[in-house]
All heavy atoms as atom14 arrays in JSON, in Angstrom:
{
  "sequence": "GDFETVFSFERLYESYRASVRGVGWKASTQR",
  "atom14_mask": [
    [1, 1, 1, 1, 0, 0, 0, 0, 0, 0, 0, 0, 0, 0],
    [1, 1, 1, 1, 1, 1, 1, 1, 0, 0, 0, 0, 0, 0],
    [1, 1, 1, 1, 1, 1, 1, 1, 1, 1, 1, 0, 0, 0],
    [1, 1, 1, 1, 1, 1, 1, 1, 1, 0, 0, 0, 0, 0],
    [1, 1, 1, 1, 1, 1, 1, 0, 0, 0, 0, 0, 0, 0],
    [1, 1, 1, 1, 1, 1, 1, 0, 0, 0, 0, 0, 0, 0],
    [1, 1, 1, 1, 1, 1, 1, 1, 1, 1, 1, 0, 0, 0],
    [1, 1, 1, 1, 1, 1, 0, 0, 0, 0, 0, 0, 0, 0],
    [1, 1, 1, 1, 1, 1, 1, 1, 1, 1, 1, 0, 0, 0],
    [1, 1, 1, 1, 1, 1, 1, 1, 1, 0, 0, 0, 0, 0],
    [1, 1, 1, 1, 1, 1, 1, 1, 1, 1, 1, 0, 0, 0],
    [1, 1, 1, 1, 1, 1, 1, 1, 0, 0, 0, 0, 0, 0],
    [1, 1, 1, 1, 1, 1, 1, 1, 1, 1, 1, 1, 0, 0],
    [1, 1, 1, 1, 1, 1, 1, 1, 1, 0, 0, 0, 0, 0],
    [1, 1, 1, 1, 1, 1, 0, 0, 0, 0, 0, 0, 0, 0],
    [1, 1, 1, 1, 1, 1, 1, 1, 1, 1, 1, 1, 0, 0],
    [1, 1, 1, 1, 1, 1, 1, 1, 1, 1, 1, 0, 0, 0],
    [1, 1, 1, 1, 1, 0, 0, 0, 0, 0, 0, 0, 0, 0],
    [1, 1, 1, 1, 1, 1, 0, 0, 0, 0, 0, 0, 0, 0],
    [1, 1, 1, 1, 1, 1, 1, 0, 0, 0, 0, 0, 0, 0],
    [1, 1, 1, 1, 1, 1, 1, 1, 1, 1, 1, 0, 0, 0],
    [1, 1, 1, 1, 0, 0, 0, 0, 0, 0, 0, 0, 0, 0],
    [1, 1, 1, 1, 1, 1, 1, 0, 0, 0, 0, 0, 0, 0],
    [1, 1, 1, 1, 0, 0, 0, 0, 0, 0, 0, 0, 0, 0],
    [1, 1, 1, 1, 1, 1, 1, 1, 1, 1, 1, 1, 1, 1],
    [1, 1, 1, 1, 1, 1, 1, 1, 1, 0, 0, 0, 0, 0],
    [1, 1, 1, 1, 1, 0, 0, 0, 0, 0, 0, 0, 0, 0],
    [1, 1, 1, 1, 1, 1, 0, 0, 0, 0, 0, 0, 0, 0],
    [1, 1, 1, 1, 1, 1, 1, 0, 0, 0, 0, 0, 0, 0],
    [1, 1, 1, 1, 1, 1, 1, 1, 1, 0, 0, 0, 0, 0],
    [1, 1, 1, 1, 1, 1, 1, 1, 1, 1, 1, 0, 0, 0]
  ],
  "atom14_positions": [
    [[0.78, -1.23, 0.0], [0.0, 0.0, 0.0], [0.81, 1.27, 0.0], [0.24, 2.37, 0.0], [0.0, 0.0, 0.0], [0.0, 0.0, 0.0], [0.0, 0.0, 0.0], [0.0, 0.0, 0.0], [0.0, 0.0, 0.0], [0.0, 0.0, 0.0], [0.0, 0.0, 0.0], [0.0, 0.0, 0.0], [0.0, 0.0, 0.0], [0.0, 0.0, 0.0]],
    [[2.15, 1.17, -0.03], [3.01, 2.35, -0.01], [3.54, 2.62, -1.41], [4.05, 1.72, -2.08], [4.18, 2.13, 0.95], [5.14, 3.3, 0.96], [4.76, 4.38, 1.46], [6.28, 3.13, 0.44], [0.0, 0.0, 0.0], [0.0, 0.0, 0.0], [0.0, 0.0, 0.0], [0.0, 0.0, 0.0], [0.0, 0.0, 0.0], [0.0, 0.0, 0.0]],
    [[3.44, 3.86, -1.87], [3.78, 4.21, -3.25], [5.24, 3.88, -3.58], [5.53, 3.23, -4.59], [3.51, 5.71, -3.48], [3.53, 6.12, -4.92], [2.38, 6.09, -5.68], [4.7, 6.56, -5.53], [2.39, 6.48, -7.02], [4.73, 6.95, -6.85], [3.56, 6.9, -7.6], [0.0, 0.0, 0.0], [0.0, 0.0, 0.0], [0.0, 0.0, 0.0]],
    [[6.16, 4.33, -2.74], [7.59, 4.1, -3.01], [7.94, 2.61, -2.98], [8.77, 2.15, -3.77], [8.46, 4.85, -2.0], [8.63, 6.34, -2.29], [7.41, 7.16, -1.89], [6.51, 6.59, -1.22], [7.34, 8.34, -2.26], [0.0, 0.0, 0.0], [0.0, 0.0, 0.0], [0.0, 0.0, 0.0], [0.0, 0.0, 0.0], [0.0, 0.0, 0.0]],
    [[7.3, 1.86, -2.1], [7.58, 0.42, -2.02], [7.05, -0.3, -3.26], [7.73, -1.17, -3.82], [6.94, -0.17, -0.76], [7.41, 0.53, 0.4], [7.27, -1.65, -0.62], [0.0, 0.0, 0.0], [0.0, 0.0, 0.0], [0.0, 0.0, 0.0], [0.0, 0.0, 0.0], [0.0, 0.0, 0.0], [0.0, 0.0, 0.0], [0.0, 0.0, 0.0]],
    [[5.84, 0.06, -3.68], [5.25, -0.57, -4.86], [6.1, -0.31, -6.09], [6.37, -1.22, -6.89], [3.81, -0.05, -5.08], [3.27, -0.49, -6.45], [2.89, -0.56, -3.97], [0.0, 0.0, 0.0], [0.0, 0.0, 0.0], [0.0, 0.0, 0.0], [0.0, 0.0, 0.0], [0.0, 0.0, 0.0], [0.0, 0.0, 0.0], [0.0, 0.0, 0.0]],
    [[6.56, 0.94, -6.26], [7.31, 1.31, -7.46], [8.83, 1.39, -7.18], [9.52, 2.28, -7.67], [6.79, 2.63, -8.03], [5.43, 2.51, -8.65], [4.34, 3.18, -8.1], [5.22, 1.71, -9.75], [3.09, 3.06, -8.65], [3.96, 1.58, -10.32], [2.89, 2.25, -9.77], [0.0, 0.0, 0.0], [0.0, 0.0, 0.0], [0.0, 0.0, 0.0]],
    [[9.32, 0.44, -6.41], [10.78, 0.33, -6.25], [11.39, -0.12, -7.57], [10.7, -0.7, -8.43], [11.11, -0.68, -5.15], [10.73, -1.98, -5.55], [0.0, 0.0, 0.0], [0.0, 0.0, 0.0], [0.0, 0.0, 0.0], [0.0, 0.0, 0.0], [0.0, 0.0, 0.0], [0.0, 0.0, 0.0], [0.0, 0.0, 0.0], [0.0, 0.0, 0.0]],
    [[12.68, 0.13, -7.75], [13.33, -0.25, -9.0], [13.23, -1.76, -9.22], [12.99, -2.23, -10.35], [14.8, 0.18, -9.0], [15.52, -0.19, -10.27], [15.46, 0.64, -11.37], [16.25, -1.38, -10.37], [16.11, 0.3, -12.56], [16.89, -1.72, -11.54], [16.83, -0.88, -12.64], [0.0, 0.0, 0.0], [0.0, 0.0, 0.0], [0.0, 0.0, 0.0]],
    [[13.42, -2.54, -8.16], [13.4, -4.01, -8.28], [12.04, -4.49, -8.79], [11.96, -5.34, -9.69], [13.71, -4.66, -6.93], [15.12, -4.47, -6.44], [15.37, -3.08, -5.86], [14.37, -2.35, -5.61], [16.55, -2.71, -5.68], [0.0, 0.0, 0.0], [0.0, 0.0, 0.0], [0.0, 0.0, 0.0], [0.0, 0.0, 0.0], [0.0, 0.0, 0.0]],
    [[10.96, -3.92, -8.24], [9.62, -4.36, -8.66], [9.3, -3.88, -10.08], [8.67, -4.62, -10.86], [8.58, -3.87, -7.66], [8.63, -4.63, -6.34], [7.57, -4.16, -5.37], [7.48, -5.07, -4.23], [6.62, -4.93, -3.23], [5.77, -3.9, -3.22], [6.57, -5.82, -2.25], [0.0, 0.0, 0.0], [0.0, 0.0, 0.0], [0.0, 0.0, 0.0]],
    [[9.7, -2.67, -10.41], [9.49, -2.19, -11.78], [10.26, -3.04, -12.79], [9.75, -3.37, -13.87], [9.91, -0.73, -11.9], [8.87, 0.33, -11.5], [9.5, 1.7, -11.4], [7.71, 0.35, -12.5], [0.0, 0.0, 0.0], [0.0, 0.0, 0.0], [0.0, 0.0, 0.0], [0.0, 0.0, 0.0], [0.0, 0.0, 0.0], [0.0, 0.0, 0.0]],
    [[11.49, -3.44, -12.43], [12.28, -4.24, -13.36], [11.67, -5.64, -13.52], [11.64, -6.18, -14.63], [13.73, -4.35, -12.89], [14.64, -4.91, -13.95], [15.09, -4.09, -14.99], [15.03, -6.24, -13.94], [15.92, -4.59, -15.99], [15.86, -6.75, -14.94], [16.3, -5.93, -15.96], [17.1, -6.42, -16.95], [0.0, 0.0, 0.0], [0.0, 0.0, 0.0]],
    [[11.19, -6.23, -12.43], [10.51, -7.52, -12.53], [9.25, -7.41, -13.39], [8.92, -8.32, -14.16], [10.15, -8.04, -11.14], [11.33, -8.63, -10.38], [11.97, -9.8, -11.12], [11.23, -10.68, -11.6], [13.21, -9.81, -11.23], [0.0, 0.0, 0.0], [0.0, 0.0, 0.0], [0.0, 0.0, 0.0], [0.0, 0.0, 0.0], [0.0, 0.0, 0.0]],
    [[8.55, -6.29, -13.26], [7.34, -6.06, -14.06], [7.7, -5.9, -15.53], [6.96, -6.37, -16.41], [6.61, -4.81, -13.56], [6.22, -4.97, -12.21], [0.0, 0.0, 0.0], [0.0, 0.0, 0.0], [0.0, 0.0, 0.0], [0.0, 0.0, 0.0], [0.0, 0.0, 0.0], [0.0, 0.0, 0.0], [0.0, 0.0, 0.0], [0.0, 0.0, 0.0]],
    [[8.82, -5.24, -15.81], [9.29, -5.14, -17.19], [9.56, -6.52, -17.78], [9.13, -6.83, -18.9], [10.56, -4.27, -17.25], [11.55, -4.69, -18.3], [11.28, -4.51, -19.65], [12.76, -5.31, -17.94], [12.18, -4.93, -20.62], [13.66, -5.73, -18.89], [13.36, -5.55, -20.22], [14.25, -5.98, -21.18], [0.0, 0.0, 0.0], [0.0, 0.0, 0.0]],
    [[10.25, -7.36, -17.03], [10.57, -8.71, -17.53], [9.3, -9.52, -17.8], [9.21, -10.26, -18.79], [11.46, -9.44, -16.53], [12.84, -8.82, -16.38], [13.69, -9.58, -15.38], [13.94, -10.96, -15.82], [14.54, -11.87, -15.08], [14.96, -11.56, -13.85], [14.74, -13.08, -15.53], [0.0, 0.0, 0.0], [0.0, 0.0, 0.0], [0.0, 0.0, 0.0]],
    [[8.31, -9.36, -16.91], [7.06, -10.08, -17.12], [6.27, -9.51, -18.31], [5.61, -10.26, -19.04], [6.21, -9.99, -15.85], [0.0, 0.0, 0.0], [0.0, 0.0, 0.0], [0.0, 0.0, 0.0], [0.0, 0.0, 0.0], [0.0, 0.0, 0.0], [0.0, 0.0, 0.0], [0.0, 0.0, 0.0], [0.0, 0.0, 0.0], [0.0, 0.0, 0.0]],
    [[6.37, -8.2, -18.53], [5.59, -7.55, -19.59], [6.09, -7.89, -20.99], [5.3, -7.92, -21.94], [5.61, -6.03, -19.39], [5.0, -5.66, -18.18], [0.0, 0.0, 0.0], [0.0, 0.0, 0.0], [0.0, 0.0, 0.0], [0.0, 0.0, 0.0], [0.0, 0.0, 0.0], [0.0, 0.0, 0.0], [0.0, 0.0, 0.0], [0.0, 0.0, 0.0]],
    [[7.39, -8.14, -21.14], [7.95, -8.41, -22.48], [7.91, -9.91, -22.8], [8.2, -10.29, -23.94], [9.39, -7.88, -22.59], [9.43, -6.38, -22.36], [10.34, -8.6, -21.64], [0.0, 0.0, 0.0], [0.0, 0.0, 0.0], [0.0, 0.0, 0.0], [0.0, 0.0, 0.0], [0.0, 0.0, 0.0], [0.0, 0.0, 0.0], [0.0, 0.0, 0.0]],
    [[7.55, -10.73, -21.81], [7.54, -12.17, -22.03], [6.46, -12.53, -23.06], [5.29, -12.2, -22.91], [7.27, -12.88, -20.71], [7.59, -14.37, -20.72], [7.46, -14.94, -19.32], [8.4, -14.32, -18.39], [8.07, -13.86, -17.2], [6.82, -13.93, -16.78], [8.98, -13.32, -16.41], [0.0, 0.0, 0.0], [0.0, 0.0, 0.0], [0.0, 0.0, 0.0]],
    [[6.87, -13.19, -24.13], [5.93, -13.63, -25.15], [5.64, -12.62, -26.23], [4.96, -12.92, -27.21], [0.0, 0.0, 0.0], [0.0, 0.0, 0.0], [0.0, 0.0, 0.0], [0.0, 0.0, 0.0], [0.0, 0.0, 0.0], [0.0, 0.0, 0.0], [0.0, 0.0, 0.0], [0.0, 0.0, 0.0], [0.0, 0.0, 0.0], [0.0, 0.0, 0.0]],
    [[6.13, -11.38, -26.08], [5.89, -10.35, -27.11], [7.22, -9.73, -27.56], [7.25, -8.6, -28.06], [4.93, -9.25, -26.6], [3.53, -9.8, -26.42], [5.43, -8.63, -25.29], [0.0, 0.0, 0.0], [0.0, 0.0, 0.0], [0.0, 0.0, 0.0], [0.0, 0.0, 0.0], [0.0, 0.0, 0.0], [0.0, 0.0, 0.0], [0.0, 0.0, 0.0]],
    [[8.33, -10.46, -27.37], [9.64, -9.94, -27.74], [9.81, -9.71, -29.22], [10.71, -8.98, -29.64], [0.0, 0.0, 0.0], [0.0, 0.0, 0.0], [0.0, 0.0, 0.0], [0.0, 0.0, 0.0], [0.0, 0.0, 0.0], [0.0, 0.0, 0.0], [0.0, 0.0, 0.0], [0.0, 0.0, 0.0], [0.0, 0.0, 0.0], [0.0, 0.0, 0.0]],
    [[8.93, -10.3, -30.05], [9.03, -10.14, -31.49], [8.54, -8.77, -31.97], [8.83, -8.35, -33.1], [8.21, -11.23, -32.19], [6.78, -11.29, -31.71], [6.3, -12.02, -30.67], [5.67, -10.57, -32.25], [4.95, -11.81, -30.5], [4.54, -10.93, -31.48], [5.5, -9.68, -33.3], [3.26, -10.41, -31.73], [4.24, -9.17, -33.56], [3.14, -9.53, -32.77]],
    [[7.8, -8.04, -31.11], [7.26, -6.75, -31.53], [8.37, -5.69, -31.58], [9.25, -5.65, -30.72], [6.17, -6.29, -30.55], [4.91, -7.13, -30.58], [3.86, -6.54, -29.65], [2.57, -7.33, -29.71], [1.53, -6.75, -28.8], [0.0, 0.0, 0.0], [0.0, 0.0, 0.0], [0.0, 0.0, 0.0], [0.0, 0.0, 0.0], [0.0, 0.0, 0.0]],
    [[8.28, -4.8, -32.56], [9.3, -3.76, -32.72], [9.33, -2.82, -31.52], [10.41, -2.43, -31.04], [9.04, -2.97, -34.01], [0.0, 0.0, 0.0], [0.0, 0.0, 0.0], [0.0, 0.0, 0.0], [0.0, 0.0, 0.0], [0.0, 0.0, 0.0], [0.0, 0.0, 0.0], [0.0, 0.0, 0.0], [0.0, 0.0, 0.0], [0.0, 0.0, 0.0]],
    [[8.16, -2.45, -31.0], [8.11, -1.53, -29.86], [8.75, -2.17, -28.62], [9.45, -1.5, -27.85], [6.66, -1.13, -29.55], [5.87, -2.29, -29.26], [0.0, 0.0, 0.0], [0.0, 0.0, 0.0], [0.0, 0.0, 0.0], [0.0, 0.0, 0.0], [0.0, 0.0, 0.0], [0.0, 0.0, 0.0], [0.0, 0.0, 0.0], [0.0, 0.0, 0.0]],
    [[8.53, -3.48, -28.46], [9.13, -4.19, -27.33], [10.65, -4.25, -27.47], [11.4, -4.06, -26.5], [8.55, -5.61, -27.22], [7.13, -5.53, -27.1], [9.12, -6.34, -26.01], [0.0, 0.0, 0.0], [0.0, 0.0, 0.0], [0.0, 0.0, 0.0], [0.0, 0.0, 0.0], [0.0, 0.0, 0.0], [0.0, 0.0, 0.0], [0.0, 0.0, 0.0]],
    [[11.12, -4.51, -28.69], [12.57, -4.6, -28.92], [13.25, -3.26, -28.66], [14.35, -3.21, -28.09], [12.82, -5.07, -30.35], [12.43, -6.53, -30.59], [12.55, -6.94, -32.03], [13.09, -6.19, -32.85], [12.07, -8.13, -32.36], [0.0, 0.0, 0.0], [0.0, 0.0, 0.0], [0.0, 0.0, 0.0], [0.0, 0.0, 0.0], [0.0, 0.0, 0.0]],
    [[12.57, -2.16, -29.05], [13.16, -0.84, -28.79], [13.24, -0.57, -27.29], [14.22, -0.02, -26.79], [12.31, 0.25, -29.47], [12.48, 0.31, -30.99], [11.9, 1.59, -31.56], [10.46, 1.67, -31.35], [9.55, 1.2, -32.2], [9.94, 0.6, -33.32], [8.26, 1.31, -31.93], [0.0, 0.0, 0.0], [0.0, 0.0, 0.0], [0.0, 0.0, 0.0]]
  ]
}
């Protein structure tokens, strides 16, 4: 429930890795 804890670098980076999974072929994802 804390803004800084939710959007820590570690959690954002894990979210990035999960978001690109399965869509790495897209040009926007590759950029």
